[in-house]
Protein backbone atom coordinates (compact mmCIF):
# COMPACT_ATOMS: atom_id res chain seq x y z
CA MET A 1 12.30 21.24 25.69
CA TYR A 2 12.98 18.10 23.96
CA PHE A 3 10.34 16.26 25.95
CA PHE A 4 7.72 18.82 24.72
CA ASP A 5 8.81 18.32 21.18
CA LEU A 6 8.46 14.54 21.54
CA VAL A 7 5.02 15.00 23.03
CA LEU A 8 4.09 17.03 20.10
CA ILE A 9 5.41 14.59 17.66
CA PHE A 10 3.39 11.74 19.42
CA ILE A 11 0.21 13.71 19.34
CA SER A 12 0.72 14.57 15.63
CA MET A 13 1.37 10.96 14.91
CA LEU A 14 -1.77 9.87 16.76
CA PHE A 15 -3.80 12.51 14.79
CA LEU A 16 -2.52 11.30 11.51
CA VAL A 17 -3.34 7.73 12.27
CA VAL A 18 -6.89 8.81 13.32
CA CYS A 19 -7.25 10.56 9.92
CA VAL A 20 -5.83 7.60 8.04
CA LEU A 21 -8.50 5.27 9.67
CA ILE A 22 -11.21 7.55 8.85
CA GLY A 23 -9.89 7.76 5.30
CA VAL A 24 -9.84 3.95 5.13
CA ALA A 25 -13.43 3.66 6.31
CA PHE A 26 -14.55 6.10 3.55
CA LEU A 27 -12.36 4.32 1.02
CA THR A 28 -14.37 1.15 1.68
CA LEU A 29 -17.50 2.95 0.99
CA LEU A 30 -16.07 4.42 -2.23
CA GLU A 31 -14.95 1.08 -3.31
CA ARG A 32 -18.42 -0.47 -2.76
CA LYS A 33 -20.16 2.47 -4.38
CA VAL A 34 -17.79 2.33 -7.50
CA LEU A 35 -18.01 -1.40 -7.85
CA GLY A 36 -21.90 -1.00 -7.56
CA TYR A 37 -22.13 1.36 -10.49
CA ILE A 38 -19.58 -0.59 -12.53
CA GLN A 39 -21.74 -3.57 -12.23
CA ILE A 40 -24.79 -1.51 -12.91
CA ARG A 41 -26.35 -1.71 -9.37
CA LYS A 42 -26.47 0.42 -6.27
CA GLY A 43 -23.87 0.36 -3.64
CA PRO A 44 -24.55 0.75 0.10
CA ASN A 45 -27.48 3.38 0.30
CA LYS A 46 -29.46 2.60 3.39
CA VAL A 47 -27.46 3.41 6.53
CA GLY A 48 -27.41 7.19 6.85
CA PHE A 49 -27.60 9.65 3.97
CA MET A 50 -26.58 7.79 0.78
CA GLY A 51 -24.83 5.13 2.75
CA LEU A 52 -22.36 7.53 4.53
CA LEU A 53 -22.65 5.70 7.95
CA GLN A 54 -22.15 2.25 6.28
CA PRO A 55 -18.44 1.92 7.13
CA PHE A 56 -19.07 2.60 10.89
CA SER A 57 -21.96 0.13 11.10
CA ASP A 58 -19.69 -2.37 9.36
CA ALA A 59 -16.81 -1.81 11.81
CA ILE A 60 -19.29 -2.07 14.86
CA LYS A 61 -20.75 -5.35 13.37
CA LEU A 62 -17.29 -6.78 12.89
CA PHE A 63 -15.71 -5.90 16.12
CA THR A 64 -18.82 -7.01 18.13
CA LYS A 65 -19.14 -10.48 16.42
CA GLU A 66 -18.09 -13.60 18.07
CA GLN A 67 -14.48 -14.31 17.83
CA THR A 68 -13.80 -17.66 16.74
CA PHE A 69 -10.46 -19.72 17.65
CA PRO A 70 -9.25 -22.67 15.59
CA TYR A 71 -8.62 -25.44 17.97
CA MET A 72 -5.12 -26.38 16.50
CA ALA A 73 -4.00 -22.69 15.93
CA ASN A 74 -0.97 -21.23 17.64
CA PHE A 75 -2.84 -18.97 19.94
CA ASN A 76 -0.41 -15.97 20.43
CA ILE A 77 0.92 -15.68 16.96
CA TYR A 78 -2.62 -16.16 15.51
CA TYR A 79 -4.00 -13.22 17.45
CA LEU A 80 -0.86 -10.88 17.26
CA SER A 81 -0.40 -11.19 13.34
CA PRO A 82 -3.38 -9.02 12.41
CA ALA A 83 -2.52 -6.41 15.00
CA VAL A 84 1.13 -6.20 14.06
CA ASN A 85 0.11 -6.08 10.25
CA LEU A 86 -2.08 -2.98 10.92
CA LEU A 87 0.62 -1.55 13.16
CA ILE A 88 3.24 -1.84 10.34
CA SER A 89 0.85 -0.43 7.76
CA LEU A 90 0.23 2.75 9.92
CA LEU A 91 3.98 3.00 10.75
CA LEU A 92 4.56 3.49 7.02
CA TRP A 93 2.66 6.70 7.13
CA MET A 94 5.15 8.22 9.59
CA CYS A 95 7.48 8.81 6.83
CA MET A 96 4.92 11.17 5.14
CA PRO A 97 7.06 14.40 4.45
CA PHE A 98 5.78 17.17 6.71
CA LEU A 99 8.40 19.84 7.48
CA SER A 100 8.75 19.53 11.27
CA VAL A 101 7.10 16.32 12.58
CA TYR A 102 6.80 12.49 12.18
CA LEU A 103 9.77 10.25 11.05
CA ASN A 104 10.58 12.24 7.89
CA PHE A 105 14.33 12.42 7.83
CA ASN A 106 17.04 12.34 5.20
CA LEU A 107 16.82 8.47 4.80
CA SER A 108 12.90 8.35 4.76
CA VAL A 109 12.92 6.29 1.52
CA LEU A 110 14.98 3.60 3.10
CA PHE A 111 12.55 3.73 6.09
CA PHE A 112 9.70 3.15 3.74
CA LEU A 113 11.41 0.30 2.11
CA SER A 114 12.38 -1.39 5.34
CA VAL A 115 8.89 -1.13 6.95
CA SER A 116 7.10 -2.24 3.88
CA SER A 117 9.25 -5.40 3.54
CA VAL A 118 8.50 -6.47 7.20
CA SER A 119 4.82 -6.82 6.47
CA VAL A 120 5.55 -10.00 4.64
CA TYR A 121 6.20 -11.79 7.78
CA THR A 122 2.76 -10.93 9.36
CA LEU A 123 1.06 -12.41 6.29
CA MET A 124 3.30 -15.55 6.56
CA LEU A 125 2.65 -15.98 10.29
CA ALA A 126 -1.12 -15.32 9.93
CA GLY A 127 -1.39 -18.09 7.47
CA TRP A 128 0.91 -20.39 9.32
CA SER A 129 -0.31 -19.85 12.75
CA SER A 130 -3.92 -20.81 11.76
CA ASN A 131 -2.64 -24.42 11.19
CA SER A 132 -4.95 -24.84 8.08
CA SER A 133 -3.79 -26.03 4.69
CA TYR A 134 -5.79 -23.40 2.89
CA SER A 135 -4.59 -20.41 4.84
CA LEU A 136 -0.89 -21.74 4.57
CA LEU A 137 -1.25 -22.06 0.85
CA GLY A 138 -2.65 -18.46 0.67
CA SER A 139 0.10 -17.10 2.79
CA LEU A 140 2.91 -18.84 0.75
CA ARG A 141 1.52 -17.43 -2.57
CA SER A 142 1.17 -13.98 -0.99
CA VAL A 143 4.72 -13.94 0.45
CA ALA A 144 6.18 -15.10 -2.89
CA GLN A 145 4.16 -12.41 -4.71
CA THR A 146 5.26 -9.67 -2.36
CA ILE A 147 8.82 -10.46 -2.32
CA SER A 148 9.01 -10.65 -6.03
CA TYR A 149 7.34 -7.19 -6.51
CA GLU A 150 9.56 -5.73 -3.92
CA VAL A 151 12.46 -6.34 -6.07
CA SER A 152 10.98 -4.29 -8.96
CA LEU A 153 9.66 -1.61 -6.65
CA ALA A 154 13.22 -1.15 -5.22
CA LEU A 155 14.82 -1.05 -8.56
CA ILE A 156 12.22 1.43 -10.02
CA LEU A 157 12.79 3.58 -6.92
CA MET A 158 16.56 3.70 -7.45
CA SER A 159 16.02 5.27 -10.88
CA PHE A 160 14.01 8.05 -9.11
CA LEU A 161 16.61 8.31 -6.58
CA TYR A 162 19.26 8.94 -9.33
CA LEU A 163 17.44 11.78 -10.69
CA VAL A 164 16.55 13.40 -7.33
CA LEU A 165 19.95 12.46 -5.82
CA SER A 166 18.41 12.34 -2.21
CA MET A 167 16.72 9.65 0.00
CA SER A 168 14.39 12.28 1.54
CA LEU A 169 10.85 12.24 0.35
CA LEU A 170 10.78 15.99 0.88
CA ASP A 171 13.25 16.33 -1.87
CA PHE A 172 10.87 14.80 -4.38
CA MET A 173 8.59 17.72 -3.84
CA SER A 174 11.20 20.43 -4.45
CA VAL A 175 12.45 18.65 -7.77
CA GLN A 176 9.01 18.75 -9.14
CA LYS A 177 8.22 22.42 -8.71
CA LEU A 178 8.72 23.01 -12.48
CA THR A 179 7.67 19.64 -14.08
CA TRP A 180 6.27 16.37 -12.83
CA LEU A 181 8.51 13.25 -13.04
CA ILE A 182 5.95 11.37 -14.85
CA PHE A 183 6.75 13.31 -18.07
CA LEU A 184 10.26 12.10 -17.82
CA MET A 185 9.67 8.52 -16.72
CA PHE A 186 6.35 7.46 -17.92
CA PRO A 187 7.12 3.77 -18.45
CA LEU A 188 8.67 3.49 -14.98
CA CYS A 189 5.63 5.27 -13.41
CA LEU A 190 3.32 2.68 -14.95
CA MET A 191 5.52 -0.15 -13.80
CA TRP A 192 5.53 1.53 -10.24
CA VAL A 193 1.63 1.51 -10.33
CA ILE A 194 1.42 -2.12 -11.31
CA SER A 195 4.04 -3.15 -8.79
CA GLY A 196 1.95 -1.23 -6.02
CA LEU A 197 -1.06 -3.25 -7.19
CA ALA A 198 0.76 -6.55 -6.84
CA GLU A 199 2.43 -5.30 -3.52
CA THR A 200 -0.97 -4.53 -1.92
CA ASN A 201 -2.63 -7.87 -3.01
CA ARG A 202 -5.20 -6.06 -5.19
CA THR A 203 -6.94 -7.24 -8.39
CA PRO A 204 -5.74 -8.36 -10.93
CA PHE A 205 -3.04 -9.71 -8.57
CA ASP A 206 -5.20 -10.81 -5.59
CA PHE A 207 -3.72 -14.37 -5.48
CA ALA A 208 -3.49 -14.24 -1.54
CA GLU A 209 -7.40 -13.87 -1.43
CA GLY A 210 -8.38 -15.50 -4.76
CA GLU A 211 -11.79 -16.42 -3.52
CA SER A 212 -12.61 -18.83 -6.46
CA GLU A 213 -9.61 -21.17 -5.61
CA LEU A 214 -8.28 -20.40 -2.26
CA VAL A 215 -11.26 -19.71 -0.16
CA SER A 216 -10.04 -16.27 0.84
CA GLY A 217 -6.35 -17.22 1.37
CA PHE A 218 -4.30 -16.57 4.50
CA ASN A 219 -7.10 -14.86 6.40
CA ILE A 220 -9.59 -17.86 6.02
CA GLU A 221 -9.59 -18.75 9.71
CA TYR A 222 -9.96 -15.15 10.88
CA SER A 223 -13.29 -13.71 12.02
CA SER A 224 -14.71 -10.46 13.57
CA GLY A 225 -11.70 -8.33 14.94
CA GLY A 226 -8.94 -10.16 13.37
CA PHE A 227 -10.41 -9.93 9.98
CA ALA A 228 -11.24 -6.35 10.40
CA LEU A 229 -7.62 -5.55 11.36
CA ILE A 230 -6.27 -7.26 8.26
CA PHE A 231 -8.85 -5.53 6.09
CA LEU A 232 -7.78 -2.10 7.78
CA ALA A 233 -4.30 -2.84 6.99
CA GLU A 234 -4.82 -3.71 3.34
CA TYR A 235 -6.75 -0.46 2.74
CA SER A 236 -4.28 1.76 4.68
CA SER A 237 -1.53 0.30 2.35
CA ILE A 238 -3.52 1.30 -0.64
CA LEU A 239 -3.96 4.85 0.52
CA PHE A 240 -0.31 5.01 1.36
CA MET A 241 0.83 3.75 -2.13
CA SER A 242 -1.46 6.30 -3.64
CA MET A 243 0.25 8.98 -1.67
CA ILE A 244 3.74 7.82 -2.45
CA CYS A 245 2.81 7.64 -6.28
CA ILE A 246 1.80 11.41 -5.97
CA LEU A 247 5.00 12.33 -4.06
CA MET A 248 7.23 10.64 -6.61
CA PHE A 249 5.75 11.50 -9.86
CA LEU A 250 2.55 13.56 -9.82
CA GLY A 251 3.81 16.89 -8.42
CA GLY A 252 3.71 16.03 -4.68
CA ASN A 253 3.02 19.41 -3.18
CA LEU A 254 1.78 18.40 0.06
CA TYR A 255 0.78 21.92 1.10
CA SER A 256 -1.81 22.28 -1.76
CA PHE A 257 -5.28 21.07 -1.92
CA THR A 258 -4.66 19.49 -5.31
CA PHE A 259 -2.49 17.02 -3.54
CA PHE A 260 -5.56 15.48 -1.83
CA LEU A 261 -7.57 15.55 -5.08
CA LYS A 262 -4.80 13.68 -6.78
CA LEU A 263 -4.75 11.19 -3.86
CA SER A 264 -8.47 10.60 -4.11
CA PHE A 265 -8.10 9.99 -7.95
CA VAL A 266 -5.20 7.50 -7.63
CA ALA A 267 -7.12 5.63 -4.82
CA PHE A 268 -10.19 5.64 -7.15
CA LEU A 269 -7.87 4.14 -9.87
CA TRP A 270 -7.15 1.28 -7.48
CA VAL A 271 -10.98 0.38 -7.07
CA TRP A 272 -11.48 1.06 -10.86
CA VAL A 273 -8.74 -1.67 -11.96
CA ARG A 274 -10.57 -4.05 -9.37
CA GLY A 275 -13.89 -3.66 -11.05
CA THR A 276 -12.65 -3.97 -14.67
CA LEU A 277 -9.67 -6.48 -14.96
CA PRO A 278 -9.80 -10.18 -14.48
CA ARG A 279 -7.34 -12.06 -12.36
CA PHE A 280 -3.97 -13.04 -13.61
CA ARG A 281 -2.68 -16.60 -13.75
CA TYR A 282 -0.08 -17.10 -11.09
CA ASP A 283 2.69 -18.14 -13.42
CA LYS A 284 2.04 -15.06 -15.63
CA LEU A 285 2.32 -12.80 -12.40
CA MET A 286 5.83 -14.31 -11.70
CA TYR A 287 6.82 -14.02 -15.46
CA LEU A 288 5.80 -10.27 -15.21
CA ALA A 289 7.92 -9.68 -12.16
CA TRP A 290 11.06 -11.62 -13.07
CA LYS A 291 11.20 -11.63 -16.90
CA SER A 292 9.53 -8.27 -17.77
CA PHE A 293 9.86 -5.67 -14.94
CA LEU A 294 13.22 -6.80 -13.69
CA PRO A 295 15.25 -6.37 -16.90
CA SER A 296 13.28 -3.26 -17.89
CA SER A 297 13.75 -1.57 -14.50
CA LEU A 298 17.56 -2.58 -14.61
CA SER A 299 17.84 -1.07 -18.09
CA TYR A 300 16.31 2.18 -17.08
CA LEU A 301 18.31 2.31 -13.91
CA ILE A 302 21.61 2.18 -16.16
CA PHE A 303 20.21 4.67 -18.57
CA PHE A 304 19.46 7.29 -15.62
CA PHE A 305 22.70 6.60 -14.02
CA SER A 306 24.59 7.37 -17.27
CA LEU A 307 22.30 10.35 -17.69
CA LYS A 308 23.36 11.71 -14.37
CA MET A 309 27.02 11.01 -14.86
CA MET A 310 26.99 12.75 -18.34
CA ILE A 311 25.42 15.84 -16.61
CA PHE A 312 27.90 15.81 -13.85
CA ILE A 313 30.79 15.50 -16.24
CA SER A 314 29.58 18.32 -18.42
CA LEU A 315 29.24 20.48 -15.42
CA VAL A 316 32.82 19.68 -14.03
């Protein structure tokens, strides 16, 4: 009996991964279309009807190109890093709160934090194993940025956990049946979205890939398949962060069609920000994390803890 349950879980996970990868393909198309219209030009519109087959032709082109190998690179780590990066990014999706399958359990929030923090190592190793000064500089900046914003993400999340009093993502859905948490915690929700942008290395925080001064950052030495895997991992993380935003403070009813409409809108928001905002200066990025978000999130954490204690004492 347990064996068949495990087989069912495995098939469901595989199905989810395939759906996420297809979603990533069309997210890249959405991004290129939206950026095209923001810059008053056309996006991809030649391959297939309105460019719908463009993501698949890009994938075929990337995976069939010649794979270059830097002469001084550490061979095994250089090739494994992008694959492990994508694996970690897809593993994050396994805490998506369905009722019976995947890795959704009572501590799924901890699972999300643990897995997301491991992705830092793949970025660091990808930059270091290439044995190039440019990629090493890009990876160091990326690691510093990711670690800084993980602190604010964790503290903001703790405020939500005090209100929900559970570490299961399923309980975020049940708590928001009457009202969304964004109405109770609007500043924290904005801070969460900004930290999510920084965590996924997106504009205006794309210092890991700041083309104008870093020549694409930690992935400079990657071509064809390796670059495609890094690209897929980044866009999978964007979709996942959009999903977490909806679960935490935008209602989060996974069994309603509006959930997927909201997911599409938040993913569009990620692209919209890229098309409109200029890149930050690096010291301002760190200032925002340590001198603005850290004290603010700590203050909110103390406030919500006190609030819950007052409610608990009044009930007793």
